[in-house]
């Protein structure tokens, strides 16, 4: 089975709490909806937990 890679998220969007993430290929200078995260993290993972995939 071929696993699909998740697209990389823009650096500006990685530091934001909103869900309107843009791809890394887009050059963003500013975002009017930017709301910074209240904490620092190196990399964010938006993968859902493996609760319903049938693996036991």
PDB file of N, CA and C in Angstrom:
ATOM      1  N   UNK A   1       0.845  -1.176   0.000  1.00  0.00           N
ATOM      2  CA  UNK A   1       0.000   0.000   0.000  1.00  0.00           C
ATOM      3  C   UNK A   1       0.898   1.250   0.000  1.00  0.00           C
ATOM      4  N   UNK A   2       0.578   2.196  -0.819  1.00  0.00           N
ATOM      5  CA  UNK A   2       1.341   3.436  -0.904  1.00  0.00           C
ATOM      6  C   UNK A   2       0.742   4.454   0.058  1.00  0.00           C
ATOM      7  N   UNK A   3       1.590   4.968   0.930  1.00  0.00           N
ATOM      8  CA  UNK A   3       1.114   5.972   1.871  1.00  0.00           C
ATOM      9  C   UNK A   3       1.231   7.351   1.251  1.00  0.00           C
ATOM     10  N   UNK A   4       0.194   8.145   1.408  1.00  0.00           N
ATOM     11  CA  UNK A   4       0.209   9.509   0.882  1.00  0.00           C
ATOM     12  C   UNK A   4       0.913  10.419   1.876  1.00  0.00           C
ATOM     13  N   UNK A   5       1.797  11.270   1.366  1.00  0.00           N
ATOM     14  CA  UNK A   5       2.460  12.231   2.231  1.00  0.00           C
ATOM     15  C   UNK A   5       1.560  13.443   2.406  1.00  0.00           C
ATOM     16  N   UNK A   6       1.536  13.947   3.622  1.00  0.00           N
ATOM     17  CA  UNK A   6       0.756  15.146   3.871  1.00  0.00           C
ATOM     18  C   UNK A   6       1.516  16.335   3.309  1.00  0.00           C
ATOM     19  N   UNK A   7       0.813  17.283   2.703  1.00  0.00           N
ATOM     20  CA  UNK A   7       1.507  18.462   2.162  1.00  0.00           C
ATOM     21  C   UNK A   7       2.135  19.281   3.280  1.00  0.00           C
ATOM     22  N   UNK A   8       3.254  19.926   2.957  1.00  0.00           N
ATOM     23  CA  UNK A   8       3.911  20.752   3.963  1.00  0.00           C
ATOM     24  C   UNK A   8       3.160  22.074   4.099  1.00  0.00           C
ATOM     25  N   UNK A   9       3.085  22.545   5.318  1.00  0.00           N
ATOM     26  CA  UNK A   9       2.334  23.759   5.629  1.00  0.00           C
ATOM     27  C   UNK A   9       3.286  24.944   5.655  1.00  0.00           C
ATOM     28  N   UNK A  10       2.799  26.076   5.192  1.00  0.00           N
ATOM     29  CA  UNK A  10       3.566  27.315   5.165  1.00  0.00           C
ATOM     30  C   UNK A  10       4.086  27.653   6.563  1.00  0.00           C
ATOM     31  N   UNK A  11       5.285  28.221   6.636  1.00  0.00           N
ATOM     32  CA  UNK A  11       5.915  28.531   7.921  1.00  0.00           C
ATOM     33  C   UNK A  11       5.077  29.513   8.749  1.00  0.00           C
ATOM     34  N   UNK A  12       4.495  30.498   8.104  1.00  0.00           N
ATOM     35  CA  UNK A  12       3.649  31.458   8.813  1.00  0.00           C
ATOM     36  C   UNK A  12       2.413  30.758   9.385  1.00  0.00           C
ATOM     37  N   UNK A  13       1.830  29.857   8.610  1.00  0.00           N
ATOM     38  CA  UNK A  13       0.628  29.137   9.041  1.00  0.00           C
ATOM     39  C   UNK A  13       0.913  28.146  10.164  1.00  0.00           C
ATOM     40  N   UNK A  14       2.130  27.617  10.213  1.00  0.00           N
ATOM     41  CA  UNK A  14       2.482  26.674  11.276  1.00  0.00           C
ATOM     42  C   UNK A  14       2.426  27.316  12.650  1.00  0.00           C
ATOM     43  N   UNK A  15       2.636  28.615  12.728  1.00  0.00           N
ATOM     44  CA  UNK A  15       2.605  29.314  14.007  1.00  0.00           C
ATOM     45  C   UNK A  15       1.257  29.890  14.356  1.00  0.00           C
ATOM     46  N   UNK A  16       0.220  29.489  13.652  1.00  0.00           N
ATOM     47  CA  UNK A  16      -1.122  30.041  13.836  1.00  0.00           C
ATOM     48  C   UNK A  16      -2.083  28.967  14.346  1.00  0.00           C
ATOM     49  N   UNK A  17      -3.065  29.368  15.144  1.00  0.00           N
ATOM     50  CA  UNK A  17      -4.035  28.419  15.692  1.00  0.00           C
ATOM     51  C   UNK A  17      -5.210  28.166  14.750  1.00  0.00           C
ATOM     52  N   UNK A  18      -5.398  28.964  13.757  1.00  0.00           N
ATOM     53  CA  UNK A  18      -6.536  28.795  12.841  1.00  0.00           C
ATOM     54  C   UNK A  18      -6.334  27.595  11.917  1.00  0.00           C
ATOM     55  N   UNK A  19      -7.426  27.116  11.318  1.00  0.00           N
ATOM     56  CA  UNK A  19      -7.383  25.923  10.474  1.00  0.00           C
ATOM     57  C   UNK A  19      -7.219  26.218   8.984  1.00  0.00           C
ATOM     58  N   UNK A  20      -7.098  27.476   8.596  1.00  0.00           N
ATOM     59  CA  UNK A  20      -6.993  27.836   7.175  1.00  0.00           C
ATOM     60  C   UNK A  20      -5.536  27.754   6.701  1.00  0.00           C
ATOM     61  N   UNK A  21      -4.904  26.612   6.860  1.00  0.00           N
ATOM     62  CA  UNK A  21      -3.488  26.426   6.535  1.00  0.00           C
ATOM     63  C   UNK A  21      -3.261  26.456   5.026  1.00  0.00           C
ATOM     64  N   UNK A  22      -2.189  27.109   4.610  1.00  0.00           N
ATOM     65  CA  UNK A  22      -1.814  27.198   3.208  1.00  0.00           C
ATOM     66  C   UNK A  22      -0.587  26.335   2.964  1.00  0.00           C
ATOM     67  N   UNK A  23      -0.397  25.927   1.725  1.00  0.00           N
ATOM     68  CA  UNK A  23       0.751  25.096   1.374  1.00  0.00           C
ATOM     69  C   UNK A  23       2.048  25.883   1.450  1.00  0.00           C
ATOM     70  N   UNK A  24       3.138  25.145   1.578  1.00  0.00           N
ATOM     71  CA  UNK A  24       4.466  25.741   1.675  1.00  0.00           C
ATOM     72  C   UNK A  24       4.897  26.392   0.356  1.00  0.00           C
ATOM     73  N   UNK A  25       4.277  26.011  -0.750  1.00  0.00           N
ATOM     74  CA  UNK A  25       4.642  26.571  -2.053  1.00  0.00           C
ATOM     75  C   UNK A  25       4.131  28.000  -2.239  1.00  0.00           C
ATOM     76  N   UNK A  26       3.236  28.443  -1.367  1.00  0.00           N
ATOM     77  CA  UNK A  26       2.684  29.793  -1.463  1.00  0.00           C
ATOM     78  C   UNK A  26       3.541  30.753  -0.645  1.00  0.00           C
ATOM     79  N   UNK A  27       3.878  31.882  -1.229  1.00  0.00           N
ATOM     80  CA  UNK A  27       4.665  32.891  -0.525  1.00  0.00           C
ATOM     81  C   UNK A  27       3.704  33.852   0.160  1.00  0.00           C
ATOM     82  N   UNK A  28       3.728  33.839   1.481  1.00  0.00           N
ATOM     83  CA  UNK A  28       2.845  34.719   2.254  1.00  0.00           C
ATOM     84  C   UNK A  28       3.699  35.720   3.012  1.00  0.00           C
ATOM     85  N   UNK A  29       3.397  36.984   2.864  1.00  0.00           N
ATOM     86  CA  UNK A  29       4.113  38.022   3.585  1.00  0.00           C
ATOM     87  C   UNK A  29       3.389  38.410   4.864  1.00  0.00           C
ATOM     88  N   UNK A  30       2.062  38.319   4.824  1.00  0.00           N
ATOM     89  CA  UNK A  30       1.250  38.710   5.964  1.00  0.00           C
ATOM     90  C   UNK A  30      -0.093  38.004   5.862  1.00  0.00           C
ATOM     91  N   UNK A  31      -0.732  37.787   6.988  1.00  0.00           N
ATOM     92  CA  UNK A  31      -2.052  37.174   7.001  1.00  0.00           C
ATOM     93  C   UNK A  31      -2.946  37.976   7.942  1.00  0.00           C
ATOM     94  N   UNK A  32      -4.077  38.487   7.449  1.00  0.00           N
ATOM     95  CA  UNK A  32      -4.963  39.281   8.308  1.00  0.00           C
ATOM     96  C   UNK A  32      -5.647  38.459   9.389  1.00  0.00           C
ATOM     97  N   UNK A  33      -5.701  37.130   9.215  1.00  0.00           N
ATOM     98  CA  UNK A  33      -6.353  36.263  10.197  1.00  0.00           C
ATOM     99  C   UNK A  33      -5.371  35.616  11.157  1.00  0.00           C
ATOM    100  N   UNK A  34      -4.088  35.951  11.071  1.00  0.00           N
ATOM    101  CA  UNK A  34      -3.063  35.302  11.882  1.00  0.00           C
ATOM    102  C   UNK A  34      -3.318  35.509  13.373  1.00  0.00           C
ATOM    103  N   UNK A  35      -3.332  34.397  14.089  1.00  0.00           N
ATOM    104  CA  UNK A  35      -3.479  34.421  15.539  1.00  0.00           C
ATOM    105  C   UNK A  35      -2.417  33.470  16.094  1.00  0.00           C
ATOM    106  N   UNK A  36      -1.394  34.019  16.755  1.00  0.00           N
ATOM    107  CA  UNK A  36      -0.272  33.184  17.182  1.00  0.00           C
ATOM    108  C   UNK A  36      -0.661  32.142  18.220  1.00  0.00           C
ATOM    109  N   UNK A  37       0.095  31.053  18.213  1.00  0.00           N
ATOM    110  CA  UNK A  37      -0.100  30.003  19.210  1.00  0.00           C
ATOM    111  C   UNK A  37       0.386  30.494  20.566  1.00  0.00           C
ATOM    112  N   UNK A  38      -0.255  30.075  21.626  1.00  0.00           N
ATOM    113  CA  UNK A  38       0.174  30.502  22.963  1.00  0.00           C
ATOM    114  C   UNK A  38       1.380  29.726  23.486  1.00  0.00           C
ATOM    115  N   UNK A  39       1.918  28.809  22.664  1.00  0.00           N
ATOM    116  CA  UNK A  39       3.062  28.008  23.077  1.00  0.00           C
ATOM    117  C   UNK A  39       3.980  27.785  21.877  1.00  0.00           C
ATOM    118  N   UNK A  40       5.190  27.359  22.134  1.00  0.00           N
ATOM    119  CA  UNK A  40       6.161  27.083  21.081  1.00  0.00           C
ATOM    120  C   UNK A  40       6.196  25.586  20.822  1.00  0.00           C
ATOM    121  N   UNK A  41       6.247  25.205  19.545  1.00  0.00           N
ATOM    122  CA  UNK A  41       6.423  23.809  19.186  1.00  0.00           C
ATOM    123  C   UNK A  41       7.213  23.745  17.893  1.00  0.00           C
ATOM    124  N   UNK A  42       8.059  22.745  17.780  1.00  0.00           N
ATOM    125  CA  UNK A  42       8.912  22.606  16.606  1.00  0.00           C
ATOM    126  C   UNK A  42       8.089  22.219  15.377  1.00  0.00           C
ATOM    127  N   UNK A  43       7.337  21.136  15.499  1.00  0.00           N
ATOM    128  CA  UNK A  43       6.571  20.651  14.356  1.00  0.00           C
ATOM    129  C   UNK A  43       5.192  20.240  14.830  1.00  0.00           C
ATOM    130  N   UNK A  44       4.184  20.571  14.056  1.00  0.00           N
ATOM    131  CA  UNK A  44       2.819  20.238  14.407  1.00  0.00           C
ATOM    132  C   UNK A  44       2.376  19.011  13.630  1.00  0.00           C
ATOM    133  N   UNK A  45       1.664  18.148  14.271  1.00  0.00           N
ATOM    134  CA  UNK A  45       1.143  16.957  13.603  1.00  0.00           C
ATOM    135  C   UNK A  45      -0.367  17.002  13.695  1.00  0.00           C
ATOM    136  N   UNK A  46      -1.011  16.993  12.543  1.00  0.00           N
ATOM    137  CA  UNK A  46      -2.466  17.050  12.500  1.00  0.00           C
ATOM    138  C   UNK A  46      -3.057  15.696  12.151  1.00  0.00           C
ATOM    139  N   UNK A  47      -2.288  14.630  12.427  1.00  0.00           N
ATOM    140  CA  UNK A  47      -2.765  13.294  12.132  1.00  0.00           C
ATOM    141  C   UNK A  47      -3.748  12.862  13.221  1.00  0.00           C
ATOM    142  N   UNK A  48      -4.795  12.201  12.801  1.00  0.00           N
ATOM    143  CA  UNK A  48      -5.782  11.723  13.751  1.00  0.00           C
ATOM    144  C   UNK A  48      -5.249  10.461  14.427  1.00  0.00           C
ATOM    145  N   UNK A  49      -5.637  10.237  15.637  1.00  0.00           N
ATOM    146  CA  UNK A  49      -5.213   9.033  16.340  1.00  0.00           C
ATOM    147  C   UNK A  49      -5.761   7.798  15.640  1.00  0.00           C
ATOM    148  N   UNK A  50      -5.068   6.696  15.781  1.00  0.00           N
ATOM    149  CA  UNK A  50      -5.477   5.450  15.127  1.00  0.00           C
ATOM    150  C   UNK A  50      -6.562   4.742  15.944  1.00  0.00           C
ATOM    151  N   UNK A  51      -7.718   5.357  16.061  1.00  0.00           N
ATOM    152  CA  UNK A  51      -8.798   4.774  16.843  1.00  0.00           C
ATOM    153  C   UNK A  51      -9.727   3.908  15.994  1.00  0.00           C
ATOM    154  N   UNK A  52      -9.897   4.265  14.733  1.00  0.00           N
ATOM    155  CA  UNK A  52     -10.912   3.615  13.922  1.00  0.00           C
ATOM    156  C   UNK A  52     -10.351   2.936  12.695  1.00  0.00           C
ATOM    157  N   UNK A  53      -9.060   2.630  12.653  1.00  0.00           N
ATOM    158  CA  UNK A  53      -8.492   2.052  11.441  1.00  0.00           C
ATOM    159  C   UNK A  53      -8.498   0.527  11.458  1.00  0.00           C
ATOM    160  N   UNK A  54      -8.941  -0.116  12.514  1.00  0.00           N
ATOM    161  CA  UNK A  54      -9.066  -1.566  12.533  1.00  0.00           C
ATOM    162  C   UNK A  54      -7.839  -2.294  13.048  1.00  0.00           C
ATOM    163  N   UNK A  55      -6.748  -1.612  13.298  1.00  0.00           N
ATOM    164  CA  UNK A  55      -5.556  -2.275  13.835  1.00  0.00           C
ATOM    165  C   UNK A  55      -5.742  -2.513  15.329  1.00  0.00           C
ATOM    166  N   UNK A  56      -5.295  -3.661  15.762  1.00  0.00           N
ATOM    167  CA  UNK A  56      -5.408  -3.970  17.194  1.00  0.00           C
ATOM    168  C   UNK A  56      -4.104  -4.435  17.738  1.00  0.00           C
TER     169      UNK A  56
END
